[in-house]
Protein backbone atom coordinates (compact mmCIF):
# COMPACT_ATOMS: atom_id res chain seq x y z
CA UNK A 1 103.51 120.17 46.43
CA UNK A 2 103.49 122.44 49.65
CA UNK A 3 105.04 121.70 52.53
CA UNK A 4 104.86 123.11 56.35
CA UNK A 5 108.09 122.96 58.02
CA UNK A 6 109.29 123.44 62.01
CA UNK A 7 110.93 126.46 62.76
CA UNK A 8 112.63 128.10 66.06
CA UNK A 9 112.08 132.08 66.13
CA UNK A 10 115.09 133.77 66.93
CA UNK A 11 113.86 136.86 67.06
CA UNK A 12 111.01 139.32 67.41
CA UNK A 13 110.98 142.40 65.28
CA UNK A 14 107.00 143.25 66.13
CA UNK A 15 103.39 142.49 66.54
CA UNK A 16 103.48 140.98 63.10
CA UNK A 17 107.15 139.38 62.10
CA UNK A 18 109.40 137.59 63.69
CA UNK A 19 113.26 136.53 62.07
CA UNK A 20 113.17 132.15 62.02
CA UNK A 21 116.09 129.67 61.94
CA UNK A 22 114.92 127.57 59.04
CA UNK A 23 118.07 125.01 58.78
CA UNK A 24 120.91 127.80 59.62
CA UNK A 25 118.93 130.60 57.56
CA UNK A 26 117.48 133.16 58.73
CA UNK A 27 114.37 134.24 57.62
CA UNK A 28 111.28 137.15 58.58
CA UNK A 29 108.67 135.79 58.71
CA UNK A 30 104.49 136.39 59.62
CA UNK A 31 103.73 135.37 62.88
CA UNK A 32 100.41 137.22 63.08
CA UNK A 33 98.18 134.23 63.24
CA UNK A 34 99.86 132.92 66.59
CA UNK A 35 99.52 134.90 69.68
CA UNK A 36 102.03 134.93 72.78
CA UNK A 37 105.33 133.57 70.74
CA UNK A 38 108.34 134.38 72.22
CA UNK A 39 112.17 133.79 71.21
CA UNK A 40 113.05 130.23 71.21
CA UNK A 41 109.52 128.87 70.08
CA UNK A 42 109.50 126.70 67.24
CA UNK A 43 106.35 127.50 64.46
CA UNK A 44 104.68 125.47 61.83
CA UNK A 45 105.73 127.84 58.65
CA UNK A 46 103.59 127.50 55.48
CA UNK A 47 105.01 130.15 52.82
CA UNK A 48 106.32 132.73 54.80
CA UNK A 49 103.57 132.70 57.89
CA UNK A 50 103.42 131.03 60.99
CA UNK A 51 100.73 128.89 61.59
CA UNK A 52 100.87 127.35 65.16
CA UNK A 53 103.00 126.65 67.87
CA UNK A 54 104.35 123.66 68.05
CA UNK A 55 106.27 122.68 71.31
CA UNK A 56 109.79 121.65 70.94
CA UNK A 57 109.75 117.99 71.44
CA UNK A 58 107.17 117.50 67.86
CA UNK A 59 109.58 120.10 66.37
CA UNK A 60 112.51 117.96 67.27
CA UNK A 61 110.92 114.95 65.91
CA UNK A 62 109.83 117.01 62.90
CA UNK A 63 113.29 118.18 62.05
CA UNK A 64 114.78 114.95 62.53
CA UNK A 65 112.76 112.80 59.86
CA UNK A 66 113.44 115.96 57.03
CA UNK A 67 117.14 114.57 57.98
CA UNK A 68 116.62 111.51 57.83
CA UNK A 69 115.16 112.36 54.55
CA UNK A 70 118.36 114.26 53.31
CA UNK A 71 120.46 111.42 53.90
CA UNK A 72 118.44 109.23 51.58
CA UNK A 73 118.04 111.03 48.94
CA UNK A 74 122.08 111.94 49.24
CA UNK A 75 122.71 108.65 49.84
CA UNK A 76 120.57 107.65 46.84
CA UNK A 77 122.92 110.28 44.69
CA UNK A 78 119.58 112.83 44.65
CA UNK A 79 119.98 116.35 45.41
CA UNK A 80 117.77 118.12 47.46
CA UNK A 81 116.06 121.02 46.30
CA UNK A 82 114.99 123.28 48.66
C-alpha cells in the first residue's frame, strides 16, 4: 500500500530539491511539482516527491491521526512499519 504523508520543509537545496523532516528523519525530496515553497511549509509527500503544499492546520491534524494510529498499534502489541 502506498501512502502520501505530510512533511515539513527544513531547507531548500535548489529549485528541484528540499530537505524535509519525516518524523525526525531528514531526507532530500523532489519539489519540482510545487511552486513557492519556503522553509517551514508543509507538503504532501509520495514516494519522495512533493505533490502539493498543505496548510499547517491540516498537516497537524493528519500527523496527529498518524500518532494515534501508532499508539493504538503499540498498545495492541504490533510494531509499526515505516
